[in-house]
């Protein structure tokens, strides 16, 4: 079945100055009507290189509890490594359509090049094409669904992972000790070295009506946490105190989203952040989130150390694959 990609629809729409009806969000979702423009606090920005590491832990705990999202700077990933990682991803989306289709997502598979095929409950679609594939651990990788062009694609991803994996480990330690636990507890509860990292490259082409469309609808991530690098076209919005607020673009920062599994493991101490993506009239927006996910059969629930008579378990305990199934099929957890 031939799928119409958003990149193709965007070319036609920009000539017409309109967008197809299925991309026009309902009024309670339209960014033009729901973006908050009043004075708002900015997303917390945390410098990981501060000499006082206890202070870093406190800031991460506060941001994870109050916002569910924060940006980190001086995170240890060299700027040139991030730029090359982004360059090869951007190159893939600039290839001829038939080249991209060679690694199109197959039915029932998560990995591959795709466009959201399933309409949402209100019958709406989102203004995005994407590429999904695992990037860690090495034994989990299927290079057959990685782009073959540019030739440096694999090397750039491997190099990014070389720095990303230690950063993920550091964040696990901050978040674990911030709960009063030993530094290895959260990582072990998330699968330890069997945890996988899934890259999604989001490609949001220019949209003639950015006031009406969304690149990604409001959601929380089902991961433990997600580490994201955007390009320099703003578009990430976060729900804070019932308002949709813009996330400020900070060069060389990495955005950390707390996901559902951390909210569950922490028994609600850390908050899984509601967020969405807007689009731009003239510019292509891109983002590179990496989702840190437990193994499918791992049982996740509130950590026993955090459950007391005064603070009973707020979430059910279940296998991650069962949680994922319920979330994707919109079945109550």
Protein backbone atom coordinates (compact mmCIF):
# COMPACT_ATOMS: atom_id res chain seq x y z
CA UNK A 1 0.00 0.00 0.00
CA UNK A 2 1.42 3.36 -1.01
CA UNK A 3 1.42 5.85 1.83
CA UNK A 4 1.19 9.59 1.32
CA UNK A 5 3.98 11.19 3.35
CA UNK A 6 3.56 14.52 5.11
CA UNK A 7 6.65 15.82 3.32
CA UNK A 8 4.78 15.34 0.02
CA UNK A 9 1.52 16.80 1.36
CA UNK A 10 3.48 19.82 2.63
CA UNK A 11 4.84 20.59 -0.85
CA UNK A 12 1.31 20.68 -2.28
CA UNK A 13 -0.16 22.54 0.71
CA UNK A 14 2.45 25.28 0.65
CA UNK A 15 1.56 26.01 -2.97
CA UNK A 16 -2.14 26.20 -2.08
CA UNK A 17 -1.74 28.03 1.25
CA UNK A 18 -4.10 25.55 2.96
CA UNK A 19 -3.85 22.16 4.64
CA UNK A 20 -6.10 19.09 4.30
CA UNK A 21 -9.02 18.93 6.71
CA UNK A 22 -7.68 15.91 8.62
CA UNK A 23 -4.69 17.97 9.80
CA UNK A 24 -6.82 20.78 11.26
CA UNK A 25 -7.01 20.16 15.00
CA UNK A 26 -10.14 20.71 17.05
CA UNK A 27 -10.39 24.15 18.69
CA UNK A 28 -9.27 22.91 22.11
CA UNK A 29 -5.99 21.71 20.51
CA UNK A 30 -5.19 24.41 17.95
CA UNK A 31 -1.90 26.10 18.87
CA UNK A 32 -3.20 29.45 17.65
CA UNK A 33 -5.90 29.31 20.34
CA UNK A 34 -4.25 27.31 23.14
CA UNK A 35 -0.65 28.57 23.37
CA UNK A 36 -0.14 30.65 26.51
CA UNK A 37 1.52 34.00 25.82
CA UNK A 38 1.55 35.47 29.33
CA UNK A 39 4.61 35.60 31.59
CA UNK A 40 5.68 32.02 32.30
CA UNK A 41 8.66 30.50 34.06
CA UNK A 42 11.15 28.94 31.67
CA UNK A 43 12.02 25.24 31.66
CA UNK A 44 14.69 24.56 34.27
CA UNK A 45 18.22 24.60 32.85
CA UNK A 46 20.72 22.53 34.85
CA UNK A 47 24.50 22.76 34.52
CA UNK A 48 25.87 19.26 35.08
CA UNK A 49 29.42 20.63 35.47
CA UNK A 50 28.67 22.53 38.69
CA UNK A 51 31.26 21.69 41.37
CA UNK A 52 28.49 21.10 43.92
CA UNK A 53 27.00 17.84 42.65
CA UNK A 54 24.55 17.69 45.56
CA UNK A 55 23.09 20.92 44.25
CA UNK A 56 22.83 19.37 40.76
CA UNK A 57 20.90 16.44 42.26
CA UNK A 58 18.56 18.80 44.12
CA UNK A 59 17.88 20.80 40.95
CA UNK A 60 17.16 17.64 38.94
CA UNK A 61 14.80 16.30 41.62
CA UNK A 62 12.96 19.61 41.82
CA UNK A 63 12.63 19.89 38.03
CA UNK A 64 11.48 16.26 37.75
CA UNK A 65 8.89 16.74 40.49
CA UNK A 66 7.57 20.16 39.48
CA UNK A 67 7.94 20.13 35.70
CA UNK A 68 8.75 16.59 34.55
CA UNK A 69 11.19 18.14 32.08
CA UNK A 70 14.46 20.07 32.15
CA UNK A 71 17.39 21.00 29.93
CA UNK A 72 20.97 20.02 30.71
CA UNK A 73 24.10 21.87 29.62
CA UNK A 74 27.76 20.83 29.99
CA UNK A 75 26.48 17.29 29.62
CA UNK A 76 29.64 15.81 28.13
CA UNK A 77 28.48 15.26 24.54
CA UNK A 78 30.75 17.33 22.26
CA UNK A 79 28.97 19.88 20.08
CA UNK A 80 30.54 18.50 16.90
CA UNK A 81 29.26 14.98 17.72
CA UNK A 82 25.70 16.28 18.10
CA UNK A 83 25.96 18.33 14.91
CA UNK A 84 27.14 15.33 12.87
CA UNK A 85 24.42 13.13 14.40
CA UNK A 86 21.86 15.72 13.32
CA UNK A 87 23.43 16.23 9.88
CA UNK A 88 23.16 12.55 8.88
CA UNK A 89 19.56 12.39 10.10
CA UNK A 90 18.62 15.50 8.14
CA UNK A 91 20.35 14.08 5.06
CA UNK A 92 18.11 11.00 5.18
CA UNK A 93 14.94 13.11 4.95
CA UNK A 94 16.39 15.07 2.03
CA UNK A 95 16.88 11.88 -0.04
CA UNK A 96 14.58 11.09 -2.99
CA UNK A 97 11.32 9.56 -1.80
CA UNK A 98 12.05 6.13 -3.28
CA UNK A 99 15.28 5.94 -1.28
CA UNK A 100 13.47 6.65 1.98
CA UNK A 101 10.79 4.09 1.19
CA UNK A 102 13.44 1.32 1.08
CA UNK A 103 13.35 1.24 4.88
CA UNK A 104 9.64 1.96 5.30
CA UNK A 105 8.10 0.70 8.54
CA UNK A 106 6.36 -2.65 8.09
CA UNK A 107 2.98 -3.47 9.71
CA UNK A 108 3.41 -4.51 13.32
CA UNK A 109 6.98 -3.20 13.47
CA UNK A 110 8.11 -0.19 15.48
CA UNK A 111 11.32 0.49 13.56
CA UNK A 112 11.59 2.08 10.12
CA UNK A 113 10.60 5.17 8.14
CA UNK A 114 6.99 6.16 8.52
CA UNK A 115 4.07 8.49 8.84
CA UNK A 116 1.38 8.04 11.46
CA UNK A 117 -1.21 5.95 9.67
CA UNK A 118 -3.77 5.61 12.43
CA UNK A 119 -6.05 8.57 12.85
CA UNK A 120 -6.57 9.78 16.38
CA UNK A 121 -9.95 9.50 18.14
CA UNK A 122 -11.22 12.69 16.51
CA UNK A 123 -10.00 11.48 13.11
CA UNK A 124 -7.07 13.90 13.00
CA UNK A 125 -3.51 13.45 11.73
CA UNK A 126 -0.22 15.02 12.77
CA UNK A 127 2.16 17.03 10.57
CA UNK A 128 5.22 14.76 10.82
CA UNK A 129 7.20 12.00 9.13
CA UNK A 130 9.61 9.98 11.23
CA UNK A 131 12.37 7.39 11.36
CA UNK A 132 12.54 4.92 14.26
CA UNK A 133 15.36 2.53 15.12
CA UNK A 134 17.13 1.16 18.15
CA UNK A 135 20.57 2.60 18.87
CA UNK A 136 21.53 0.69 22.06
CA UNK A 137 22.54 -1.93 23.21
CA UNK A 138 24.63 -3.17 20.27
CA UNK A 139 23.18 -6.71 20.24
CA UNK A 140 19.71 -5.24 19.74
CA UNK A 141 20.47 -3.33 16.55
CA UNK A 142 19.13 -4.20 13.12
CA UNK A 143 21.25 -2.30 10.62
CA UNK A 144 18.99 -3.40 7.76
CA UNK A 145 16.53 -0.69 8.74
CA UNK A 146 19.17 2.00 9.21
CA UNK A 147 19.69 4.47 6.35
CA UNK A 148 22.50 3.45 3.98
CA UNK A 149 22.86 7.07 2.89
CA UNK A 150 24.76 9.05 3.89
CA UNK A 151 27.51 6.44 4.36
CA UNK A 152 28.52 8.12 7.65
CA UNK A 153 25.08 7.51 9.20
CA UNK A 154 26.12 4.50 11.28
CA UNK A 155 29.40 6.04 12.44
CA UNK A 156 27.65 9.27 13.53
CA UNK A 157 25.06 7.31 15.54
CA UNK A 158 27.71 5.09 17.15
CA UNK A 159 29.74 8.16 18.11
CA UNK A 160 26.68 9.86 19.62
CA UNK A 161 25.92 6.71 21.64
CA UNK A 162 29.48 6.61 22.95
CA UNK A 163 28.72 9.83 24.83
CA UNK A 164 24.98 9.37 25.35
CA UNK A 165 25.17 6.11 27.30
CA UNK A 166 27.39 7.57 30.08
CA UNK A 167 25.07 10.59 30.27
CA UNK A 168 22.06 8.29 30.67
CA UNK A 169 23.90 6.47 33.47
CA UNK A 170 24.67 9.78 35.21
CA UNK A 171 21.05 10.87 35.03
CA UNK A 172 19.91 7.54 36.46
CA UNK A 173 22.27 8.10 39.40
CA UNK A 174 21.08 11.67 40.05
CA UNK A 175 17.44 10.60 39.91
CA UNK A 176 18.03 7.53 42.08
CA UNK A 177 19.99 9.28 44.84
CA UNK A 178 17.44 12.11 44.67
CA UNK A 179 14.84 9.61 45.91
CA UNK A 180 17.07 8.65 48.84
CA UNK A 181 18.10 5.39 47.16
CA UNK A 182 21.46 3.88 46.23
CA UNK A 183 22.66 5.29 42.90
CA UNK A 184 22.17 2.02 40.97
CA UNK A 185 18.60 1.26 42.10
CA UNK A 186 16.62 3.09 39.39
CA UNK A 187 18.74 1.74 36.56
CA UNK A 188 18.48 -1.85 37.82
CA UNK A 189 14.72 -1.45 38.25
CA UNK A 190 14.57 -0.26 34.61
CA UNK A 191 16.39 -3.28 33.22
CA UNK A 192 20.05 -2.49 33.91
CA UNK A 193 22.23 -3.17 30.89
CA UNK A 194 19.30 -4.81 29.08
CA UNK A 195 17.46 -1.51 28.86
CA UNK A 196 17.14 -0.38 25.24
CA UNK A 197 17.42 3.03 23.65
CA UNK A 198 15.14 3.81 20.72
CA UNK A 199 15.85 6.80 18.46
CA UNK A 200 13.05 8.62 16.70
CA UNK A 201 13.89 11.35 14.21
CA UNK A 202 10.90 13.66 13.76
CA UNK A 203 10.69 15.68 10.53
CA UNK A 204 8.13 18.50 10.58
CA UNK A 205 8.03 20.19 7.15
CA UNK A 206 6.89 23.82 6.77
CA UNK A 207 3.14 24.15 7.23
CA UNK A 208 1.08 27.03 5.77
CA UNK A 209 -1.29 26.97 8.79
CA UNK A 210 0.82 26.35 11.91
CA UNK A 211 -1.97 27.91 13.97
CA UNK A 212 -4.25 24.97 13.11
CA UNK A 213 -1.94 21.93 12.98
CA UNK A 214 0.25 19.97 15.38
CA UNK A 215 3.44 18.05 14.65
CA UNK A 216 2.80 15.69 17.55
CA UNK A 217 -0.38 15.79 19.64
CA UNK A 218 -0.31 16.12 23.42
CA UNK A 219 1.10 13.01 25.11
CA UNK A 220 3.43 11.67 27.77
CA UNK A 221 6.29 9.31 26.89
CA UNK A 222 5.99 5.70 28.03
CA UNK A 223 9.78 5.50 28.54
CA UNK A 224 11.71 5.82 31.80
CA UNK A 225 13.01 9.07 30.42
CA UNK A 226 13.71 10.58 27.02
CA UNK A 227 16.75 12.60 25.93
CA UNK A 228 16.08 14.92 23.02
CA UNK A 229 18.12 17.24 20.83
CA UNK A 230 16.15 19.62 18.58
CA UNK A 231 17.27 21.72 15.67
CA UNK A 232 17.12 25.49 16.12
CA UNK A 233 13.48 25.87 15.02
CA UNK A 234 11.36 26.14 18.19
CA UNK A 235 8.24 24.03 18.53
CA UNK A 236 8.27 21.98 21.74
CA UNK A 237 5.46 22.97 24.13
CA UNK A 238 4.96 21.76 27.69
CA UNK A 239 1.79 21.69 29.78
CA UNK A 240 2.56 23.61 32.97
CA UNK A 241 -0.17 24.67 35.42
CA UNK A 242 -2.82 23.94 32.74
CA UNK A 243 -1.11 26.22 30.20
CA UNK A 244 0.73 25.23 27.01
CA UNK A 245 4.06 27.06 27.19
CA UNK A 246 6.91 27.23 24.68
CA UNK A 247 10.21 25.58 25.53
CA UNK A 248 13.02 28.01 24.87
CA UNK A 249 15.68 26.76 22.47
CA UNK A 250 19.10 26.66 24.12
CA UNK A 251 22.03 25.84 21.81
CA UNK A 252 23.89 22.64 22.76
CA UNK A 253 21.42 21.72 25.51
CA UNK A 254 19.80 18.30 25.78
CA UNK A 255 16.16 18.19 26.85
CA UNK A 256 15.27 15.49 29.38
CA UNK A 257 11.63 14.34 29.60
CA UNK A 258 10.53 12.26 32.57
CA UNK A 259 8.47 9.36 31.20
CA UNK A 260 5.67 7.19 32.56
CA UNK A 261 7.95 4.45 33.92
CA UNK A 262 9.84 6.90 36.17
CA UNK A 263 6.55 8.30 37.46
CA UNK A 264 5.50 4.73 38.31
CA UNK A 265 8.84 3.64 39.83
CA UNK A 266 9.02 6.83 41.96
CA UNK A 267 5.38 6.32 43.02
CA UNK A 268 4.43 9.72 41.69
CA UNK A 269 7.38 11.72 43.05
CA UNK A 270 8.64 12.37 39.51
CA UNK A 271 6.07 13.59 36.99
CA UNK A 272 5.69 12.30 33.44
CA UNK A 273 5.46 15.48 31.37
CA UNK A 274 2.60 16.29 28.98
CA UNK A 275 4.09 17.83 25.85
CA UNK A 276 3.32 18.42 22.17
CA UNK A 277 5.04 19.76 19.07
CA UNK A 278 3.99 22.74 16.99
CA UNK A 279 5.12 23.45 13.43
CA UNK A 280 6.51 26.43 11.54
CA UNK A 281 5.18 28.25 8.49
CA UNK A 282 8.52 28.76 6.76
CA UNK A 283 11.05 26.41 8.33
CA UNK A 284 11.50 22.67 8.80
CA UNK A 285 11.62 21.64 12.43
CA UNK A 286 13.40 18.44 13.45
CA UNK A 287 13.99 16.65 16.73
CA UNK A 288 15.96 13.59 17.78
CA UNK A 289 14.47 12.01 20.93
CA UNK A 290 16.03 8.85 22.37
CA UNK A 291 13.58 6.83 24.48
CA UNK A 292 15.14 4.78 27.28
CA UNK A 293 12.84 1.77 27.65
CA UNK A 294 12.80 -1.28 29.92
CA UNK A 295 12.91 -4.78 28.40
CA UNK A 296 9.45 -5.92 27.26
CA UNK A 297 9.04 -8.62 29.95
CA UNK A 298 10.36 -6.55 32.85
CA UNK A 299 7.79 -6.00 35.59
CA UNK A 300 7.54 -2.31 36.56
CA UNK A 301 5.75 -0.93 39.60
CA UNK A 302 6.33 1.52 42.44
CA UNK A 303 9.62 0.73 44.15
CA UNK A 304 8.93 -1.04 47.50
CA UNK A 305 11.30 1.39 49.25
CA UNK A 306 8.95 4.26 48.33
CA UNK A 307 5.68 2.60 49.38
CA UNK A 308 4.47 3.00 52.98
CA UNK A 309 1.15 2.95 54.86
CA UNK A 310 1.12 6.75 54.62
CA UNK A 311 2.18 6.69 50.95
CA UNK A 312 0.55 3.61 49.38
CA UNK A 313 1.24 2.47 45.82
CA UNK A 314 -0.40 4.84 43.31
CA UNK A 315 0.15 2.63 40.25
CA UNK A 316 -0.36 -0.98 39.22
CA UNK A 317 2.59 -3.30 38.73
CA UNK A 318 2.78 -4.90 35.27
CA UNK A 319 5.13 -5.98 32.51
CA UNK A 320 6.35 -3.12 30.35
CA UNK A 321 4.96 -4.77 27.20
CA UNK A 322 1.50 -4.87 28.82
CA UNK A 323 1.79 -1.21 29.80
CA UNK A 324 2.84 -0.37 26.23
CA UNK A 325 -0.08 -2.34 24.76
CA UNK A 326 -2.61 -0.53 26.96
CA UNK A 327 -1.10 2.88 26.20
CA UNK A 328 -0.95 2.38 22.42
CA UNK A 329 -4.52 1.04 22.34
CA UNK A 330 -5.82 3.70 24.75
CA UNK A 331 -6.91 1.08 27.32
CA UNK A 332 -6.98 2.32 30.95
CA UNK A 333 -3.94 1.16 32.90
